[in-house]
Amino acid sequence: MTTDSQRIRILRFMMKGFIITPLNAFTEFGSLRLSERIREIEAEGWPVERKRVNVRGKRVMSYYLQGAK
């Protein structure tokens, strides 16, 4: 899967109102570089918000679109 298709799939996921973490980015989309895909999405003008969350005992960054439903 190309980085463009990963970026598009991640953006569509977030547009549905879902929150994404590195773990579900890998399991759902095969992306090992979620932070880079998020930077690309932000460069396109999308308002991405960040929040630290606990996942399986580890603190990780989660991302979501501001106002997405």
N, C-alpha and C. Protein backbone atom coordinates (compact mmCIF):
# COMPACT_ATOMS: atom_id res chain seq x y z
N MET A 1 0.85 -1.18 0.00
CA MET A 1 0.00 0.00 0.00
C MET A 1 0.89 1.24 0.00
N THR A 2 0.56 2.20 -0.82
CA THR A 2 1.37 3.41 -0.90
C THR A 2 1.03 4.36 0.25
N THR A 3 1.95 5.31 0.48
CA THR A 3 1.69 6.28 1.55
C THR A 3 0.47 7.13 1.23
N ASP A 4 0.22 7.42 -0.07
CA ASP A 4 -0.97 8.18 -0.44
C ASP A 4 -2.23 7.43 -0.07
N SER A 5 -2.29 6.14 -0.36
CA SER A 5 -3.50 5.39 -0.04
C SER A 5 -3.66 5.23 1.47
N GLN A 6 -2.54 5.09 2.21
CA GLN A 6 -2.63 5.05 3.67
C GLN A 6 -3.19 6.37 4.19
N ARG A 7 -2.66 7.48 3.67
CA ARG A 7 -3.10 8.79 4.12
C ARG A 7 -4.60 8.97 3.85
N ILE A 8 -5.05 8.60 2.68
CA ILE A 8 -6.46 8.74 2.33
C ILE A 8 -7.33 7.87 3.22
N ARG A 9 -6.93 6.64 3.44
CA ARG A 9 -7.72 5.73 4.28
C ARG A 9 -7.77 6.21 5.73
N ILE A 10 -6.63 6.72 6.23
CA ILE A 10 -6.59 7.26 7.60
C ILE A 10 -7.49 8.49 7.71
N LEU A 11 -7.42 9.37 6.72
CA LEU A 11 -8.26 10.56 6.73
C LEU A 11 -9.75 10.18 6.71
N ARG A 12 -10.14 9.26 5.87
CA ARG A 12 -11.54 8.82 5.81
C ARG A 12 -11.99 8.24 7.15
N PHE A 13 -11.12 7.46 7.78
CA PHE A 13 -11.39 6.87 9.09
C PHE A 13 -11.67 7.99 10.10
N MET A 14 -10.81 9.01 10.11
CA MET A 14 -10.97 10.12 11.05
C MET A 14 -12.19 10.99 10.70
N MET A 15 -12.52 11.10 9.43
CA MET A 15 -13.69 11.88 9.02
C MET A 15 -14.99 11.25 9.53
N LYS A 16 -14.97 9.97 9.80
CA LYS A 16 -16.14 9.28 10.36
C LYS A 16 -16.27 9.51 11.86
N GLY A 17 -15.30 10.25 12.44
CA GLY A 17 -15.35 10.57 13.87
C GLY A 17 -14.53 9.64 14.74
N PHE A 18 -13.79 8.73 14.13
CA PHE A 18 -12.98 7.81 14.91
C PHE A 18 -11.66 8.44 15.35
N ILE A 19 -11.17 8.00 16.48
CA ILE A 19 -9.86 8.39 16.98
C ILE A 19 -8.87 7.33 16.54
N ILE A 20 -7.68 7.75 16.11
CA ILE A 20 -6.69 6.79 15.64
C ILE A 20 -5.43 6.85 16.50
N THR A 21 -4.87 5.69 16.77
CA THR A 21 -3.61 5.56 17.50
C THR A 21 -2.63 4.79 16.63
N PRO A 22 -1.34 4.82 16.99
CA PRO A 22 -0.39 4.05 16.19
C PRO A 22 -0.74 2.56 16.08
N LEU A 23 -1.30 1.99 17.15
CA LEU A 23 -1.64 0.57 17.11
C LEU A 23 -2.75 0.28 16.10
N ASN A 24 -3.84 1.07 16.13
CA ASN A 24 -4.88 0.75 15.15
C ASN A 24 -4.51 1.23 13.75
N ALA A 25 -3.60 2.20 13.62
CA ALA A 25 -3.11 2.58 12.29
C ALA A 25 -2.36 1.41 11.67
N PHE A 26 -1.59 0.70 12.49
CA PHE A 26 -0.87 -0.46 11.98
C PHE A 26 -1.81 -1.61 11.66
N THR A 27 -2.71 -1.92 12.59
CA THR A 27 -3.57 -3.09 12.38
C THR A 27 -4.61 -2.86 11.29
N GLU A 28 -5.14 -1.64 11.18
CA GLU A 28 -6.18 -1.36 10.18
C GLU A 28 -5.62 -1.00 8.81
N PHE A 29 -4.48 -0.27 8.79
CA PHE A 29 -4.00 0.30 7.53
C PHE A 29 -2.57 -0.08 7.18
N GLY A 30 -1.90 -0.82 8.06
CA GLY A 30 -0.53 -1.22 7.79
C GLY A 30 0.48 -0.08 7.86
N SER A 31 0.11 0.99 8.54
CA SER A 31 0.97 2.17 8.62
C SER A 31 1.85 2.12 9.86
N LEU A 32 3.15 2.18 9.65
CA LEU A 32 4.09 2.23 10.75
C LEU A 32 4.52 3.66 11.07
N ARG A 33 4.06 4.62 10.27
CA ARG A 33 4.47 6.01 10.44
C ARG A 33 3.25 6.92 10.52
N LEU A 34 2.41 6.67 11.52
CA LEU A 34 1.19 7.45 11.66
C LEU A 34 1.48 8.94 11.80
N SER A 35 2.48 9.31 12.58
CA SER A 35 2.75 10.73 12.78
C SER A 35 3.07 11.43 11.46
N GLU A 36 3.74 10.76 10.55
CA GLU A 36 4.03 11.34 9.24
C GLU A 36 2.77 11.47 8.41
N ARG A 37 1.89 10.46 8.44
CA ARG A 37 0.62 10.57 7.72
C ARG A 37 -0.21 11.72 8.28
N ILE A 38 -0.18 11.92 9.60
CA ILE A 38 -0.91 13.02 10.24
C ILE A 38 -0.35 14.35 9.77
N ARG A 39 0.97 14.47 9.68
CA ARG A 39 1.59 15.71 9.18
C ARG A 39 1.13 16.01 7.74
N GLU A 40 1.04 14.97 6.93
CA GLU A 40 0.58 15.14 5.55
C GLU A 40 -0.88 15.62 5.51
N ILE A 41 -1.70 15.04 6.38
CA ILE A 41 -3.11 15.43 6.45
C ILE A 41 -3.23 16.88 6.90
N GLU A 42 -2.44 17.26 7.90
CA GLU A 42 -2.45 18.65 8.36
C GLU A 42 -1.97 19.61 7.28
N ALA A 43 -0.99 19.20 6.50
CA ALA A 43 -0.46 20.04 5.41
C ALA A 43 -1.54 20.32 4.36
N GLU A 44 -2.53 19.44 4.27
CA GLU A 44 -3.65 19.64 3.36
C GLU A 44 -4.71 20.57 3.95
N GLY A 45 -4.51 20.98 5.20
CA GLY A 45 -5.43 21.92 5.83
C GLY A 45 -6.45 21.33 6.78
N TRP A 46 -6.37 20.03 7.05
CA TRP A 46 -7.32 19.39 7.96
C TRP A 46 -6.96 19.72 9.41
N PRO A 47 -7.96 20.03 10.27
CA PRO A 47 -7.70 20.39 11.67
C PRO A 47 -7.58 19.15 12.56
N VAL A 48 -6.38 18.64 12.70
CA VAL A 48 -6.15 17.43 13.49
C VAL A 48 -5.84 17.81 14.94
N GLU A 49 -6.53 17.17 15.86
CA GLU A 49 -6.29 17.36 17.30
C GLU A 49 -5.53 16.15 17.83
N ARG A 50 -4.80 16.37 18.91
CA ARG A 50 -3.99 15.31 19.54
C ARG A 50 -4.38 15.17 21.00
N LYS A 51 -4.25 13.94 21.49
CA LYS A 51 -4.49 13.68 22.91
C LYS A 51 -3.69 12.44 23.31
N ARG A 52 -3.00 12.51 24.43
CA ARG A 52 -2.29 11.34 24.94
C ARG A 52 -3.29 10.42 25.64
N VAL A 53 -3.19 9.12 25.32
CA VAL A 53 -4.08 8.12 25.91
C VAL A 53 -3.25 6.91 26.35
N ASN A 54 -3.83 6.10 27.22
CA ASN A 54 -3.20 4.85 27.63
C ASN A 54 -3.74 3.71 26.78
N VAL A 55 -2.83 2.98 26.16
CA VAL A 55 -3.19 1.81 25.36
C VAL A 55 -2.32 0.66 25.82
N ARG A 56 -2.97 -0.34 26.38
CA ARG A 56 -2.26 -1.53 26.88
C ARG A 56 -1.12 -1.15 27.82
N GLY A 57 -1.38 -0.20 28.70
CA GLY A 57 -0.41 0.21 29.70
C GLY A 57 0.66 1.17 29.21
N LYS A 58 0.58 1.61 27.98
CA LYS A 58 1.54 2.56 27.41
C LYS A 58 0.83 3.85 27.06
N ARG A 59 1.51 4.98 27.29
CA ARG A 59 0.96 6.27 26.89
C ARG A 59 1.36 6.55 25.45
N VAL A 60 0.35 6.74 24.60
CA VAL A 60 0.59 7.00 23.18
C VAL A 60 -0.24 8.21 22.75
N MET A 61 0.13 8.78 21.63
CA MET A 61 -0.62 9.90 21.08
C MET A 61 -1.78 9.36 20.24
N SER A 62 -2.94 9.96 20.42
CA SER A 62 -4.08 9.64 19.57
C SER A 62 -4.41 10.90 18.77
N TYR A 63 -5.05 10.71 17.63
CA TYR A 63 -5.36 11.80 16.73
C TYR A 63 -6.81 11.72 16.30
N TYR A 64 -7.43 12.87 16.12
CA TYR A 64 -8.80 12.92 15.62
C TYR A 64 -9.02 14.26 14.92
N LEU A 65 -10.02 14.30 14.07
CA LEU A 65 -10.34 15.54 13.37
C LEU A 65 -11.24 16.40 14.25
N GLN A 66 -10.90 17.65 14.35
CA GLN A 66 -11.70 18.59 15.12
C GLN A 66 -13.08 18.71 14.48
N GLY A 67 -14.11 18.44 15.25
CA GLY A 67 -15.48 18.58 14.76
C GLY A 67 -15.98 17.46 13.86
N ALA A 68 -15.21 16.37 13.70
CA ALA A 68 -15.66 15.27 12.84
C ALA A 68 -16.81 14.52 13.49
N LYS A 69 -17.76 14.10 12.68
CA LYS A 69 -18.92 13.33 13.16
C LYS A 69 -19.11 12.11 12.32
